[in-house]
Amino acid sequence: MKWYNDMTEQEKRSFQKVIVVCVVGAILILIVPMGFHDIF
């Protein structure tokens, strides 16, 4: 993780935003079909 430690604070924040967006997207992709199965 040396490359992560070399990042500036602003780069770390934008990197974390990208990670959060990816995680939230993956969760939505997994949960939405399950929700539709429960509703219909």
C-alpha atoms as a PDB file:
ATOM      1  CA  MET A   1       0.000   0.000   0.000  1.00  0.00           C
ATOM      2  CA  LYS A   2       2.995   2.332  -0.469  1.00  0.00           C
ATOM      3  CA  TRP A   3       1.257   3.982  -3.436  1.00  0.00           C
ATOM      4  CA  TYR A   4      -1.684   4.838  -1.149  1.00  0.00           C
ATOM      5  CA  ASN A   5       0.605   6.447   1.441  1.00  0.00           C
ATOM      6  CA  ASP A   6       2.267   8.490  -1.330  1.00  0.00           C
ATOM      7  CA  MET A   7      -1.063  10.061  -2.304  1.00  0.00           C
ATOM      8  CA  THR A   8      -1.921  13.587  -1.198  1.00  0.00           C
ATOM      9  CA  GLU A   9      -4.883  14.093   1.148  1.00  0.00           C
ATOM     10  CA  GLN A  10      -7.058  15.329  -1.739  1.00  0.00           C
ATOM     11  CA  GLU A  11      -6.187  12.259  -3.830  1.00  0.00           C
ATOM     12  CA  LYS A  12      -7.016  10.007  -0.848  1.00  0.00           C
ATOM     13  CA  ARG A  13     -10.422  11.679  -0.433  1.00  0.00           C
ATOM     14  CA  SER A  14     -11.310  11.319  -4.106  1.00  0.00           C
ATOM     15  CA  PHE A  15     -10.018   7.711  -4.050  1.00  0.00           C
ATOM     16  CA  GLN A  16     -12.232   6.938  -1.037  1.00  0.00           C
ATOM     17  CA  LYS A  17     -15.221   8.512  -2.839  1.00  0.00           C
ATOM     18  CA  VAL A  18     -14.641   6.200  -5.803  1.00  0.00           C
ATOM     19  CA  ILE A  19     -14.466   3.180  -3.457  1.00  0.00           C
ATOM     20  CA  VAL A  20     -17.680   4.224  -1.678  1.00  0.00           C
ATOM     21  CA  VAL A  21     -19.516   4.722  -4.992  1.00  0.00           C
ATOM     22  CA  CYS A  22     -18.370   1.276  -6.195  1.00  0.00           C
ATOM     23  CA  VAL A  23     -19.444  -0.398  -2.932  1.00  0.00           C
ATOM     24  CA  VAL A  24     -22.836   1.345  -2.899  1.00  0.00           C
ATOM     25  CA  GLY A  25     -23.368   0.447  -6.565  1.00  0.00           C
ATOM     26  CA  ALA A  26     -22.512  -3.204  -5.914  1.00  0.00           C
ATOM     27  CA  ILE A  27     -24.870  -3.319  -2.911  1.00  0.00           C
ATOM     28  CA  LEU A  28     -27.706  -1.784  -4.960  1.00  0.00           C
ATOM     29  CA  ILE A  29     -27.113  -4.258  -7.804  1.00  0.00           C
ATOM     30  CA  LEU A  30     -27.346  -7.121  -5.283  1.00  0.00           C
ATOM     31  CA  ILE A  31     -30.275  -5.792  -3.201  1.00  0.00           C
ATOM     32  CA  VAL A  32     -32.580  -4.414  -5.927  1.00  0.00           C
ATOM     33  CA  PRO A  33     -33.283  -7.811  -7.579  1.00  0.00           C
ATOM     34  CA  MET A  34     -33.948  -9.359  -4.150  1.00  0.00           C
ATOM     35  CA  GLY A  35     -36.341  -6.512  -3.341  1.00  0.00           C
ATOM     36  CA  PHE A  36     -38.214  -7.031  -6.602  1.00  0.00           C
ATOM     37  CA  HIS A  37     -38.532 -10.753  -5.879  1.00  0.00           C
ATOM     38  CA  ASP A  38     -40.065  -9.946  -2.478  1.00  0.00           C
ATOM     39  CA  ILE A  39     -42.485  -7.359  -3.932  1.00  0.00           C
ATOM     40  CA  PHE A  40     -43.690  -9.331  -6.955  1.00  0.00           C
END
